[in-house]
Amino acid sequence: MAACSPKGGDQNTNSNDSNTSVVEGEVLIDGSSTVYPVTEAVAEEFNIENPKVKVTVGVSGTGGGFKKLIRKEIDVANASRPISKDEIAQLNEAKIEFIELPVAFDGLAVVVNPGNTFVDYLTVEELKMIWSPEAQGKITKWNQIRASWPDKEIHLFGAGTASGTFDYFTEAIVGKAKSSRGDYTASEDDNVLVQGVSTDPLALGFFGLEYYLQNKDILKLIPVDDKNDTNGKGAILPSEETVKNGTYQPLSRPLFIYVLKESVAKPAVKSFVQFYIDNAADLVKDVGYVSLGESNYKLLSDRLKNGKSGSAFAELESNVGIKMEDILK
C-alpha cells in the first residue's frame, strides 16, 4: 500500500470553505491501479494545503476496491469501470449509499516490445481472436493471426481479473465482460505488465494509456482498427485527442471514484473529494489522462453538494461507447 505523506506548509492558514479551523483526519482510498496516478497526484496537492489530513492510497484493483467499500474499510474506491449491478446489490443489502464521480477519460493501450518490427496495427477482430476464451491453448503463435507474421510464440500480458481494465477490455474486445483466455501473465499492477512486455520481444499486452506514456521509451504502441470502422479512420493510436473526440474505439473509457455517502460527513473526506473535483481538470492532464471538461466537473460538484447517490450506469446494457455528457445530465 502506498501512502501520500503530508508535505510542508503554513498550517495556520489552512481552512475549508465551511470551517475556518484546520482540516484534520484521515482519508482511506483503494482500488484501481489505473486511477491510482490521478488520485495520488490529487492527494499530494491536497496535502500541501491540508497537512493535517492523512491520505492513504492503496492498489488492489477495481474489484478489490469495491469489496473494501462494501465492507466500509475505505472512504473512496478508485475504479476503472462503472460499479456492477452485483456490487450495487451488495451495497443496497448492507444499506450503504455511495456517490459516483467520473473523474477522467482514459484509453487502453495495446503494446508490444520495441523489438517487434512486424506488428503495424491490430484490428478488434484480431484482438478478439487472440484474447477470447476459445483461443486458450490454440492461438499461440503470431502467424496464426496473420500468415505473414513469424512462426513464433505470442507471450501475452494483461490486467488481472480483479481489475476494471480487465472487465472493460474483455467487454469491448471479446464482447462480454470477464470473458477471456486464462493462459496469460496477469496482474492488477500495471508496472508488472510494463516490465513483462518491455523485456520480451514476443510479448503483446494491454493496460491504461498512462502507463504507456510513462514508459514509451521501452514500449511500442499499436494502433487499433475498430471492427465496424465506426470512426471511419482505420487504425487509430490512442492519444488525448482521439480519446476525447471518440475516434479511438472501442478502447476509450471513463475513470471513476466512488465515495461512501456517510464518509462525506467527515470534514477531511468532504474536503478531499471537493478538492479532487475542483482540481481534476488540470491534474488528470498532468498524469496523462483526458479531462472531462469544466462543465462536467461543475455537474460533479453539484452531485457531491446534493449528496446524489447511486449509479447512472446501472441500467446500461453496455459501458462501451458511452457519452459522459448524457450520463451526467
C-alpha atoms as a PDB file:
ATOM      1  CA  MET A   1       0.000   0.000   0.000  1.00  0.00           C
ATOM      2  CA  ALA A   2       1.323   3.408  -0.975  1.00  0.00           C
ATOM      3  CA  ALA A   3       0.767   6.389   1.245  1.00  0.00           C
ATOM      4  CA  CYS A   4       0.954  10.039   0.351  1.00  0.00           C
ATOM      5  CA  SER A   5       2.734  11.582   3.292  1.00  0.00           C
ATOM      6  CA  PRO A   6       1.954  15.145   4.406  1.00  0.00           C
ATOM      7  CA  LYS A   7       4.056  17.908   2.917  1.00  0.00           C
ATOM      8  CA  GLY A   8       5.147  21.148   4.437  1.00  0.00           C
ATOM      9  CA  GLY A   9       3.153  24.341   4.547  1.00  0.00           C
ATOM     10  CA  ASP A  10       1.836  27.077   6.796  1.00  0.00           C
ATOM     11  CA  GLN A  11      -0.588  25.166   8.967  1.00  0.00           C
ATOM     12  CA  ASN A  12      -2.071  28.368  10.402  1.00  0.00           C
ATOM     13  CA  THR A  13      -3.543  29.401   7.046  1.00  0.00           C
ATOM     14  CA  ASN A  14      -5.313  26.178   6.077  1.00  0.00           C
ATOM     15  CA  SER A  15      -9.085  26.097   6.055  1.00  0.00           C
ATOM     16  CA  ASN A  16     -12.012  24.697   4.146  1.00  0.00           C
ATOM     17  CA  ASP A  17     -14.992  26.547   2.731  1.00  0.00           C
ATOM     18  CA  SER A  18     -17.319  25.930   5.658  1.00  0.00           C
ATOM     19  CA  ASN A  19     -14.969  25.938   8.635  1.00  0.00           C
ATOM     20  CA  THR A  20     -12.138  28.319   9.492  1.00  0.00           C
ATOM     21  CA  SER A  21     -10.318  25.648  11.521  1.00  0.00           C
ATOM     22  CA  VAL A  22      -7.587  23.462  10.071  1.00  0.00           C
ATOM     23  CA  VAL A  23      -8.980  20.297   8.490  1.00  0.00           C
ATOM     24  CA  GLU A  24      -7.760  17.183  10.259  1.00  0.00           C
ATOM     25  CA  GLY A  25      -8.439  13.484   9.876  1.00  0.00           C
ATOM     26  CA  GLU A  26      -7.840  10.576   7.532  1.00  0.00           C
ATOM     27  CA  VAL A  27      -8.952   9.590   4.043  1.00  0.00           C
ATOM     28  CA  LEU A  28      -8.672   5.916   3.086  1.00  0.00           C
ATOM     29  CA  ILE A  29      -8.633   5.081  -0.632  1.00  0.00           C
ATOM     30  CA  ASP A  30      -8.071   1.837  -2.531  1.00  0.00           C
ATOM     31  CA  GLY A  31      -8.851   0.203  -5.850  1.00  0.00           C
ATOM     32  CA  SER A  32      -7.809   0.670  -9.471  1.00  0.00           C
ATOM     33  CA  SER A  33      -4.150   0.881 -10.429  1.00  0.00           C
ATOM     34  CA  THR A  34      -5.237   2.880 -13.486  1.00  0.00           C
ATOM     35  CA  VAL A  35      -6.892   5.601 -11.395  1.00  0.00           C
ATOM     36  CA  TYR A  36      -4.097   5.476  -8.800  1.00  0.00           C
ATOM     37  CA  PRO A  37      -1.807   8.043 -10.542  1.00  0.00           C
ATOM     38  CA  VAL A  38      -4.631  10.618 -10.642  1.00  0.00           C
ATOM     39  CA  THR A  39      -5.674  10.090  -7.033  1.00  0.00           C
ATOM     40  CA  GLU A  40      -2.066  10.085  -5.846  1.00  0.00           C
ATOM     41  CA  ALA A  41      -1.440  13.403  -7.631  1.00  0.00           C
ATOM     42  CA  VAL A  42      -4.589  14.886  -6.085  1.00  0.00           C
ATOM     43  CA  ALA A  43      -3.561  13.617  -2.634  1.00  0.00           C
ATOM     44  CA  GLU A  44      -0.109  15.192  -2.896  1.00  0.00           C
ATOM     45  CA  GLU A  45      -1.550  18.579  -3.903  1.00  0.00           C
ATOM     46  CA  PHE A  46      -4.285  18.351  -1.265  1.00  0.00           C
ATOM     47  CA  ASN A  47      -1.712  17.661   1.462  1.00  0.00           C
ATOM     48  CA  ILE A  48       0.151  20.863   0.636  1.00  0.00           C
ATOM     49  CA  GLU A  49      -2.914  22.844   1.719  1.00  0.00           C
ATOM     50  CA  ASN A  50      -4.101  20.302   4.316  1.00  0.00           C
ATOM     51  CA  PRO A  51      -1.011  18.853   6.024  1.00  0.00           C
ATOM     52  CA  LYS A  52      -3.003  17.516   8.985  1.00  0.00           C
ATOM     53  CA  VAL A  53      -5.038  15.136   6.819  1.00  0.00           C
ATOM     54  CA  LYS A  54      -3.501  11.713   6.257  1.00  0.00           C
ATOM     55  CA  VAL A  55      -4.421  10.415   2.796  1.00  0.00           C
ATOM     56  CA  THR A  56      -3.615   6.754   2.144  1.00  0.00           C
ATOM     57  CA  VAL A  57      -3.926   5.415  -1.401  1.00  0.00           C
ATOM     58  CA  GLY A  58      -3.742   1.657  -1.997  1.00  0.00           C
ATOM     59  CA  VAL A  59      -3.907  -0.534  -5.102  1.00  0.00           C
ATOM     60  CA  SER A  60      -5.971  -3.732  -5.067  1.00  0.00           C
ATOM     61  CA  GLY A  61      -7.702  -3.464  -8.447  1.00  0.00           C
ATOM     62  CA  THR A  62     -11.159  -2.056  -9.123  1.00  0.00           C
ATOM     63  CA  GLY A  63     -12.901  -5.164  -7.853  1.00  0.00           C
ATOM     64  CA  GLY A  64     -10.746  -5.182  -4.725  1.00  0.00           C
ATOM     65  CA  GLY A  65     -11.590  -1.547  -4.076  1.00  0.00           C
ATOM     66  CA  PHE A  66     -15.322  -2.188  -4.345  1.00  0.00           C
ATOM     67  CA  LYS A  67     -15.031  -5.118  -1.930  1.00  0.00           C
ATOM     68  CA  LYS A  68     -13.389  -2.813   0.613  1.00  0.00           C
ATOM     69  CA  LEU A  69     -16.050  -0.158   0.006  1.00  0.00           C
ATOM     70  CA  ILE A  70     -18.786  -2.735   0.633  1.00  0.00           C
ATOM     71  CA  ARG A  71     -17.063  -3.676   3.912  1.00  0.00           C
ATOM     72  CA  LYS A  72     -16.717   0.058   4.715  1.00  0.00           C
ATOM     73  CA  GLU A  73     -12.951  -0.357   5.106  1.00  0.00           C
ATOM     74  CA  ILE A  74     -12.285   2.692   2.932  1.00  0.00           C
ATOM     75  CA  ASP A  75     -13.884   6.059   2.192  1.00  0.00           C
ATOM     76  CA  VAL A  76     -13.167   6.187  -1.538  1.00  0.00           C
ATOM     77  CA  ALA A  77     -12.800   3.475  -4.194  1.00  0.00           C
ATOM     78  CA  ASN A  78     -10.800   4.148  -7.352  1.00  0.00           C
ATOM     79  CA  ALA A  79     -12.441   2.407 -10.323  1.00  0.00           C
ATOM     80  CA  SER A  80     -11.577   1.984 -13.985  1.00  0.00           C
ATOM     81  CA  ARG A  81     -15.098   0.775 -14.782  1.00  0.00           C
ATOM     82  CA  PRO A  82     -18.594   1.611 -13.530  1.00  0.00           C
ATOM     83  CA  ILE A  83     -19.796  -0.261 -10.465  1.00  0.00           C
ATOM     84  CA  SER A  84     -21.557  -3.521 -11.384  1.00  0.00           C
ATOM     85  CA  LYS A  85     -25.166  -4.469 -10.663  1.00  0.00           C
ATOM     86  CA  ASP A  86     -23.957  -7.186  -8.287  1.00  0.00           C
ATOM     87  CA  GLU A  87     -21.795  -4.713  -6.353  1.00  0.00           C
ATOM     88  CA  ILE A  88     -24.710  -2.279  -6.150  1.00  0.00           C
ATOM     89  CA  ALA A  89     -26.922  -5.078  -4.841  1.00  0.00           C
ATOM     90  CA  GLN A  90     -24.395  -5.881  -2.103  1.00  0.00           C
ATOM     91  CA  LEU A  91     -24.240  -2.222  -1.067  1.00  0.00           C
ATOM     92  CA  ASN A  92     -28.032  -1.956  -1.081  1.00  0.00           C
ATOM     93  CA  GLU A  93     -28.322  -5.087   1.049  1.00  0.00           C
ATOM     94  CA  ALA A  94     -25.930  -3.543   3.573  1.00  0.00           C
ATOM     95  CA  LYS A  95     -27.892  -0.252   3.374  1.00  0.00           C
ATOM     96  CA  ILE A  96     -24.774   1.587   2.213  1.00  0.00           C
ATOM     97  CA  GLU A  97     -25.163   4.629  -0.054  1.00  0.00           C
ATOM     98  CA  PHE A  98     -22.438   5.799  -2.405  1.00  0.00           C
ATOM     99  CA  ILE A  99     -21.755   8.770  -4.673  1.00  0.00           C
ATOM    100  CA  GLU A 100     -20.469   8.027  -8.183  1.00  0.00           C
ATOM    101  CA  LEU A 101     -17.997  10.552  -9.618  1.00  0.00           C
ATOM    102  CA  PRO A 102     -16.405  10.121 -13.063  1.00  0.00           C
ATOM    103  CA  VAL A 103     -13.087  11.995 -12.980  1.00  0.00           C
ATOM    104  CA  ALA A 104     -11.339  11.486 -16.338  1.00  0.00           C
ATOM    105  CA  PHE A 105     -11.268   9.736 -19.695  1.00  0.00           C
ATOM    106  CA  ASP A 106      -8.675   7.086 -20.493  1.00  0.00           C
ATOM    107  CA  GLY A 107      -7.691   4.965 -23.470  1.00  0.00           C
ATOM    108  CA  LEU A 108      -6.451   1.401 -23.168  1.00  0.00           C
ATOM    109  CA  ALA A 109      -3.058   0.950 -24.791  1.00  0.00           C
ATOM    110  CA  VAL A 110      -2.206  -2.166 -26.801  1.00  0.00           C
ATOM    111  CA  VAL A 111       1.561  -2.580 -26.780  1.00  0.00           C
ATOM    112  CA  VAL A 112       4.389  -4.809 -27.953  1.00  0.00           C
ATOM    113  CA  ASN A 113       8.107  -4.863 -27.330  1.00  0.00           C
ATOM    114  CA  PRO A 114      10.091  -2.241 -29.310  1.00  0.00           C
ATOM    115  CA  GLY A 115      11.988  -5.132 -30.910  1.00  0.00           C
ATOM    116  CA  ASN A 116       8.779  -6.214 -32.634  1.00  0.00           C
ATOM    117  CA  THR A 117       9.063  -4.844 -36.182  1.00  0.00           C
ATOM    118  CA  PHE A 118       6.192  -6.749 -37.827  1.00  0.00           C
ATOM    119  CA  VAL A 119       3.071  -5.584 -35.948  1.00  0.00           C
ATOM    120  CA  ASP A 120       1.977  -2.297 -37.518  1.00  0.00           C
ATOM    121  CA  TYR A 121      -1.640  -2.343 -36.297  1.00  0.00           C
ATOM    122  CA  LEU A 122      -4.262  -4.737 -34.950  1.00  0.00           C
ATOM    123  CA  THR A 123      -7.969  -4.940 -35.665  1.00  0.00           C
ATOM    124  CA  VAL A 124     -10.568  -5.559 -32.988  1.00  0.00           C
ATOM    125  CA  GLU A 125     -11.330  -8.907 -34.652  1.00  0.00           C
ATOM    126  CA  GLU A 126      -7.664  -9.899 -34.407  1.00  0.00           C
ATOM    127  CA  LEU A 127      -7.562  -8.896 -30.755  1.00  0.00           C
ATOM    128  CA  LYS A 128     -10.702 -10.965 -30.172  1.00  0.00           C
ATOM    129  CA  MET A 129      -9.077 -13.911 -31.923  1.00  0.00           C
ATOM    130  CA  ILE A 130      -6.134 -13.621 -29.532  1.00  0.00           C
ATOM    131  CA  TRP A 131      -7.980 -12.968 -26.261  1.00  0.00           C
ATOM    132  CA  SER A 132     -11.249 -14.915 -26.471  1.00  0.00           C
ATOM    133  CA  PRO A 133     -11.685 -17.959 -24.177  1.00  0.00           C
ATOM    134  CA  GLU A 134     -11.668 -20.229 -27.233  1.00  0.00           C
ATOM    135  CA  ALA A 135      -8.134 -19.085 -28.054  1.00  0.00           C
ATOM    136  CA  GLN A 136      -6.642 -20.661 -24.916  1.00  0.00           C
ATOM    137  CA  GLY A 137      -4.106 -23.280 -25.893  1.00  0.00           C
ATOM    138  CA  LYS A 138      -4.967 -22.876 -29.595  1.00  0.00           C
ATOM    139  CA  ILE A 139      -3.903 -19.393 -30.735  1.00  0.00           C
ATOM    140  CA  THR A 140      -0.319 -19.468 -29.539  1.00  0.00           C
ATOM    141  CA  LYS A 141       1.757 -18.134 -32.452  1.00  0.00           C
ATOM    142  CA  TRP A 142       1.957 -14.838 -34.276  1.00  0.00           C
ATOM    143  CA  ASN A 143       1.463 -16.390 -37.736  1.00  0.00           C
ATOM    144  CA  GLN A 144      -1.944 -17.680 -36.626  1.00  0.00           C
ATOM    145  CA  ILE A 145      -3.077 -14.059 -36.537  1.00  0.00           C
ATOM    146  CA  ARG A 146      -1.564 -13.095 -39.890  1.00  0.00           C
ATOM    147  CA  ALA A 147       0.227 -15.598 -42.103  1.00  0.00           C
ATOM    148  CA  SER A 148       2.948 -13.061 -42.903  1.00  0.00           C
ATOM    149  CA  TRP A 149       3.937 -12.772 -39.259  1.00  0.00           C
ATOM    150  CA  PRO A 150       6.637 -15.013 -37.708  1.00  0.00           C
ATOM    151  CA  ASP A 151       6.101 -18.641 -36.717  1.00  0.00           C
ATOM    152  CA  LYS A 152       6.906 -17.730 -33.119  1.00  0.00           C
ATOM    153  CA  GLU A 153       5.030 -17.847 -29.826  1.00  0.00           C
ATOM    154  CA  ILE A 154       2.855 -14.975 -28.593  1.00  0.00           C
ATOM    155  CA  HIS A 155       3.541 -14.142 -24.946  1.00  0.00           C
ATOM    156  CA  LEU A 156       0.518 -12.353 -23.515  1.00  0.00           C
ATOM    157  CA  PHE A 157       0.378  -9.841 -20.654  1.00  0.00           C
ATOM    158  CA  GLY A 158      -2.807  -8.240 -19.371  1.00  0.00           C
ATOM    159  CA  ALA A 159      -4.851  -6.969 -16.472  1.00  0.00           C
ATOM    160  CA  GLY A 160      -5.790  -9.358 -13.677  1.00  0.00           C
ATOM    161  CA  THR A 161      -9.377 -10.471 -13.152  1.00  0.00           C
ATOM    162  CA  ALA A 162      -9.909  -8.057 -10.220  1.00  0.00           C
ATOM    163  CA  SER A 163      -9.041  -5.130 -12.476  1.00  0.00           C
ATOM    164  CA  GLY A 164     -11.605  -2.841 -14.057  1.00  0.00           C
ATOM    165  CA  THR A 165      -9.279  -2.695 -17.053  1.00  0.00           C
ATOM    166  CA  PHE A 166      -9.802  -6.454 -17.486  1.00  0.00           C
ATOM    167  CA  ASP A 167     -13.575  -6.019 -17.327  1.00  0.00           C
ATOM    168  CA  TYR A 168     -13.616  -3.177 -19.836  1.00  0.00           C
ATOM    169  CA  PHE A 169     -11.135  -4.740 -22.262  1.00  0.00           C
ATOM    170  CA  THR A 170     -12.991  -8.062 -22.364  1.00  0.00           C
ATOM    171  CA  GLU A 171     -16.360  -6.360 -22.866  1.00  0.00           C
ATOM    172  CA  ALA A 172     -15.019  -4.073 -25.604  1.00  0.00           C
ATOM    173  CA  ILE A 173     -12.926  -6.677 -27.437  1.00  0.00           C
ATOM    174  CA  VAL A 174     -14.414 -10.101 -26.710  1.00  0.00           C
ATOM    175  CA  GLY A 175     -17.971  -8.838 -26.322  1.00  0.00           C
ATOM    176  CA  LYS A 176     -18.581  -9.986 -22.754  1.00  0.00           C
ATOM    177  CA  ALA A 177     -17.043  -8.642 -19.555  1.00  0.00           C
ATOM    178  CA  LYS A 178     -14.699 -11.088 -17.787  1.00  0.00           C
ATOM    179  CA  SER A 179     -14.690 -13.440 -20.795  1.00  0.00           C
ATOM    180  CA  SER A 180     -11.050 -14.179 -21.595  1.00  0.00           C
ATOM    181  CA  ARG A 181      -8.461 -16.855 -22.118  1.00  0.00           C
ATOM    182  CA  GLY A 182      -6.632 -17.599 -18.900  1.00  0.00           C
ATOM    183  CA  ASP A 183      -3.188 -18.611 -20.155  1.00  0.00           C
ATOM    184  CA  TYR A 184      -1.521 -15.216 -19.944  1.00  0.00           C
ATOM    185  CA  THR A 185       0.564 -13.304 -17.422  1.00  0.00           C
ATOM    186  CA  ALA A 186      -1.996 -11.367 -15.374  1.00  0.00           C
ATOM    187  CA  SER A 187      -1.512  -8.620 -12.796  1.00  0.00           C
ATOM    188  CA  GLU A 188      -3.505  -5.833 -11.156  1.00  0.00           C
ATOM    189  CA  ASP A 189      -0.211  -3.904 -11.044  1.00  0.00           C
ATOM    190  CA  ASP A 190       0.351  -2.270 -14.429  1.00  0.00           C
ATOM    191  CA  ASN A 191       4.057  -1.831 -13.677  1.00  0.00           C
ATOM    192  CA  VAL A 192       4.413  -5.625 -13.687  1.00  0.00           C
ATOM    193  CA  LEU A 193       2.852  -5.733 -17.163  1.00  0.00           C
ATOM    194  CA  VAL A 194       5.103  -2.934 -18.430  1.00  0.00           C
ATOM    195  CA  GLN A 195       8.140  -4.834 -17.175  1.00  0.00           C
ATOM    196  CA  GLY A 196       6.965  -8.045 -18.842  1.00  0.00           C
ATOM    197  CA  VAL A 197       6.332  -6.554 -22.281  1.00  0.00           C
ATOM    198  CA  SER A 198       9.430  -4.352 -22.252  1.00  0.00           C
ATOM    199  CA  THR A 199      11.743  -7.336 -21.649  1.00  0.00           C
ATOM    200  CA  ASP A 200      10.117  -9.876 -24.011  1.00  0.00           C
ATOM    201  CA  PRO A 201      10.466  -9.437 -27.813  1.00  0.00           C
ATOM    202  CA  LEU A 202       7.494 -11.775 -28.389  1.00  0.00           C
ATOM    203  CA  ALA A 203       5.150 -10.041 -25.935  1.00  0.00           C
ATOM    204  CA  LEU A 204       1.756  -8.431 -26.500  1.00  0.00           C
ATOM    205  CA  GLY A 205      -0.060  -6.634 -23.692  1.00  0.00           C
ATOM    206  CA  PHE A 206      -2.710  -4.119 -22.728  1.00  0.00           C
ATOM    207  CA  PHE A 207      -3.142  -1.594 -19.896  1.00  0.00           C
ATOM    208  CA  GLY A 208      -4.103   2.030 -19.280  1.00  0.00           C
ATOM    209  CA  LEU A 209      -2.599   4.608 -21.656  1.00  0.00           C
ATOM    210  CA  GLU A 210      -0.917   6.458 -18.765  1.00  0.00           C
ATOM    211  CA  TYR A 211       1.399   3.520 -18.123  1.00  0.00           C
ATOM    212  CA  TYR A 212       2.456   3.527 -21.770  1.00  0.00           C
ATOM    213  CA  LEU A 213       3.155   7.274 -21.627  1.00  0.00           C
ATOM    214  CA  GLN A 214       5.306   6.789 -18.542  1.00  0.00           C
ATOM    215  CA  ASN A 215       7.299   4.055 -20.312  1.00  0.00           C
ATOM    216  CA  LYS A 216       7.107   4.911 -24.019  1.00  0.00           C
ATOM    217  CA  ASP A 217      10.865   4.618 -24.425  1.00  0.00           C
ATOM    218  CA  ILE A 218      10.681   0.879 -23.650  1.00  0.00           C
ATOM    219  CA  LEU A 219       7.333   0.024 -25.310  1.00  0.00           C
ATOM    220  CA  LYS A 220       5.818   0.184 -28.796  1.00  0.00           C
ATOM    221  CA  LEU A 221       2.229   1.474 -29.053  1.00  0.00           C
ATOM    222  CA  ILE A 222      -0.027  -0.302 -31.558  1.00  0.00           C
ATOM    223  CA  PRO A 223      -2.894   1.409 -33.454  1.00  0.00           C
ATOM    224  CA  VAL A 224      -6.283  -0.333 -33.243  1.00  0.00           C
ATOM    225  CA  ASP A 225      -8.794  -0.551 -36.081  1.00  0.00           C
ATOM    226  CA  ASP A 226     -12.415  -0.684 -34.880  1.00  0.00           C
ATOM    227  CA  LYS A 227     -14.166  -3.835 -36.103  1.00  0.00           C
ATOM    228  CA  ASN A 228     -17.102  -1.872 -37.533  1.00  0.00           C
ATOM    229  CA  ASP A 229     -14.924   1.052 -38.649  1.00  0.00           C
ATOM    230  CA  THR A 230     -17.358   3.338 -36.850  1.00  0.00           C
ATOM    231  CA  ASN A 231     -14.734   6.053 -36.615  1.00  0.00           C
ATOM    232  CA  GLY A 232     -14.181   5.971 -40.387  1.00  0.00           C
ATOM    233  CA  LYS A 233     -10.465   6.472 -39.873  1.00  0.00           C
ATOM    234  CA  GLY A 234      -8.985   2.975 -39.947  1.00  0.00           C
ATOM    235  CA  ALA A 235      -6.322   2.126 -37.370  1.00  0.00           C
ATOM    236  CA  ILE A 236      -6.086   4.773 -34.638  1.00  0.00           C
ATOM    237  CA  LEU A 237      -3.463   5.406 -31.954  1.00  0.00           C
ATOM    238  CA  PRO A 238      -4.754   6.392 -28.512  1.00  0.00           C
ATOM    239  CA  SER A 239      -3.982   9.984 -27.554  1.00  0.00           C
ATOM    240  CA  GLU A 240      -5.637  12.817 -25.654  1.00  0.00           C
ATOM    241  CA  GLU A 241      -7.282  13.972 -28.879  1.00  0.00           C
ATOM    242  CA  THR A 242      -8.507  10.578 -30.127  1.00  0.00           C
ATOM    243  CA  VAL A 243      -9.780   9.528 -26.697  1.00  0.00           C
ATOM    244  CA  LYS A 244     -11.645  12.817 -26.200  1.00  0.00           C
ATOM    245  CA  ASN A 245     -13.155  13.029 -29.703  1.00  0.00           C
ATOM    246  CA  GLY A 246     -14.226   9.384 -29.627  1.00  0.00           C
ATOM    247  CA  THR A 247     -12.277   8.162 -32.660  1.00  0.00           C
ATOM    248  CA  TYR A 248     -10.212   5.698 -30.614  1.00  0.00           C
ATOM    249  CA  GLN A 249     -12.838   2.994 -30.311  1.00  0.00           C
ATOM    250  CA  PRO A 250     -13.754   0.790 -28.635  1.00  0.00           C
ATOM    251  CA  LEU A 251     -10.925   1.183 -26.106  1.00  0.00           C
ATOM    252  CA  SER A 252     -11.766   4.608 -24.630  1.00  0.00           C
ATOM    253  CA  ARG A 253     -13.484   4.733 -21.239  1.00  0.00           C
ATOM    254  CA  PRO A 254     -14.300   6.920 -18.225  1.00  0.00           C
ATOM    255  CA  LEU A 255     -12.463   6.573 -14.906  1.00  0.00           C
ATOM    256  CA  PHE A 256     -14.180   6.989 -11.539  1.00  0.00           C
ATOM    257  CA  ILE A 257     -14.012   7.469  -7.832  1.00  0.00           C
ATOM    258  CA  TYR A 258     -16.845   6.106  -5.641  1.00  0.00           C
ATOM    259  CA  VAL A 259     -17.358   7.743  -2.256  1.00  0.00           C
ATOM    260  CA  LEU A 260     -19.220   6.345   0.742  1.00  0.00           C
ATOM    261  CA  LYS A 261     -22.008   8.835   1.374  1.00  0.00           C
ATOM    262  CA  GLU A 262     -21.574   8.532   5.143  1.00  0.00           C
ATOM    263  CA  SER A 263     -17.875   9.352   4.771  1.00  0.00           C
ATOM    264  CA  VAL A 264     -18.745  12.700   3.173  1.00  0.00           C
ATOM    265  CA  ALA A 265     -19.909  13.754   6.647  1.00  0.00           C
ATOM    266  CA  LYS A 266     -16.253  13.687   7.720  1.00  0.00           C
ATOM    267  CA  PRO A 267     -14.644  17.105   7.037  1.00  0.00           C
ATOM    268  CA  ALA A 268     -11.396  15.513   5.828  1.00  0.00           C
ATOM    269  CA  VAL A 269     -13.158  13.301   3.277  1.00  0.00           C
ATOM    270  CA  LYS A 270     -15.536  16.003   2.069  1.00  0.00           C
ATOM    271  CA  SER A 271     -12.679  18.485   1.663  1.00  0.00           C
ATOM    272  CA  PHE A 272     -10.564  15.938  -0.196  1.00  0.00           C
ATOM    273  CA  VAL A 273     -13.309  14.924  -2.634  1.00  0.00           C
ATOM    274  CA  GLN A 274     -14.264  18.549  -3.317  1.00  0.00           C
ATOM    275  CA  PHE A 275     -10.574  19.346  -3.892  1.00  0.00           C
ATOM    276  CA  TYR A 276     -10.412  16.354  -6.276  1.00  0.00           C
ATOM    277  CA  ILE A 277     -13.311  17.674  -8.370  1.00  0.00           C
ATOM    278  CA  ASP A 278     -12.046  21.268  -8.317  1.00  0.00           C
ATOM    279  CA  ASN A 279      -8.548  20.316  -9.485  1.00  0.00           C
ATOM    280  CA  ALA A 280      -9.172  17.230 -11.622  1.00  0.00           C
ATOM    281  CA  ALA A 281      -9.205  19.111 -14.939  1.00  0.00           C
ATOM    282  CA  ASP A 282      -5.549  20.096 -14.543  1.00  0.00           C
ATOM    283  CA  LEU A 283      -4.238  17.115 -12.594  1.00  0.00           C
ATOM    284  CA  VAL A 284      -5.623  14.410 -14.891  1.00  0.00           C
ATOM    285  CA  LYS A 285      -3.777  16.054 -17.783  1.00  0.00           C
ATOM    286  CA  ASP A 286      -0.569  16.179 -15.744  1.00  0.00           C
ATOM    287  CA  VAL A 287      -0.610  12.394 -15.343  1.00  0.00           C
ATOM    288  CA  GLY A 288      -1.602  11.652 -18.927  1.00  0.00           C
ATOM    289  CA  TYR A 289      -5.384  11.285 -18.847  1.00  0.00           C
ATOM    290  CA  VAL A 290      -8.089  13.322 -20.551  1.00  0.00           C
ATOM    291  CA  SER A 291     -10.166  15.955 -18.761  1.00  0.00           C
ATOM    292  CA  LEU A 292     -13.964  15.706 -18.763  1.00  0.00           C
ATOM    293  CA  GLY A 293     -14.228  19.472 -19.326  1.00  0.00           C
ATOM    294  CA  GLU A 294     -15.185  22.263 -16.944  1.00  0.00           C
ATOM    295  CA  SER A 295     -18.945  21.937 -17.448  1.00  0.00           C
ATOM    296  CA  ASN A 296     -18.882  18.255 -16.486  1.00  0.00           C
ATOM    297  CA  TYR A 297     -16.795  18.888 -13.362  1.00  0.00           C
ATOM    298  CA  LYS A 298     -19.355  21.524 -12.361  1.00  0.00           C
ATOM    299  CA  LEU A 299     -22.054  18.852 -12.633  1.00  0.00           C
ATOM    300  CA  LEU A 300     -19.956  16.568 -10.437  1.00  0.00           C
ATOM    301  CA  SER A 301     -19.546  19.313  -7.837  1.00  0.00           C
ATOM    302  CA  ASP A 302     -23.327  19.716  -7.773  1.00  0.00           C
ATOM    303  CA  ARG A 303     -23.713  15.956  -7.397  1.00  0.00           C
ATOM    304  CA  LEU A 304     -21.405  15.971  -4.357  1.00  0.00           C
ATOM    305  CA  LYS A 305     -23.073  19.004  -2.744  1.00  0.00           C
ATOM    306  CA  ASN A 306     -26.515  17.484  -3.254  1.00  0.00           C
ATOM    307  CA  GLY A 307     -25.392  14.091  -1.968  1.00  0.00           C
ATOM    308  CA  LYS A 308     -26.790  12.411  -5.095  1.00  0.00           C
ATOM    309  CA  SER A 309     -26.294   8.688  -4.528  1.00  0.00           C
ATOM    310  CA  GLY A 310     -26.458   5.711  -6.868  1.00  0.00           C
ATOM    311  CA  SER A 311     -25.041   4.909 -10.297  1.00  0.00           C
ATOM    312  CA  ALA A 312     -26.025   6.389 -13.643  1.00  0.00           C
ATOM    313  CA  PHE A 313     -24.574   3.303 -15.343  1.00  0.00           C
ATOM    314  CA  ALA A 314     -26.604   0.649 -13.519  1.00  0.00           C
ATOM    315  CA  GLU A 315     -29.241   0.138 -16.221  1.00  0.00           C
ATOM    316  CA  LEU A 316     -26.997   0.364 -19.285  1.00  0.00           C
ATOM    317  CA  GLU A 317     -26.639  -2.817 -21.328  1.00  0.00           C
ATOM    318  CA  SER A 318     -23.042  -1.905 -22.188  1.00  0.00           C
ATOM    319  CA  ASN A 319     -20.457   0.583 -20.912  1.00  0.00           C
ATOM    320  CA  VAL A 320     -18.673   0.712 -24.268  1.00  0.00           C
ATOM    321  CA  GLY A 321     -19.002   3.906 -26.326  1.00  0.00           C
ATOM    322  CA  ILE A 322     -20.927   5.893 -23.716  1.00  0.00           C
ATOM    323  CA  LYS A 323     -21.138   9.709 -23.791  1.00  0.00           C
ATOM    324  CA  MET A 324     -20.282  11.343 -20.491  1.00  0.00           C
ATOM    325  CA  GLU A 325     -22.491  14.393 -21.024  1.00  0.00           C
ATOM    326  CA  ASP A 326     -25.582  12.223 -21.446  1.00  0.00           C
ATOM    327  CA  ILE A 327     -24.785  10.245 -18.279  1.00  0.00           C
ATOM    328  CA  LEU A 328     -24.124  13.250 -16.052  1.00  0.00           C
ATOM    329  CA  LYS A 329     -27.240  15.119 -17.143  1.00  0.00           C
END
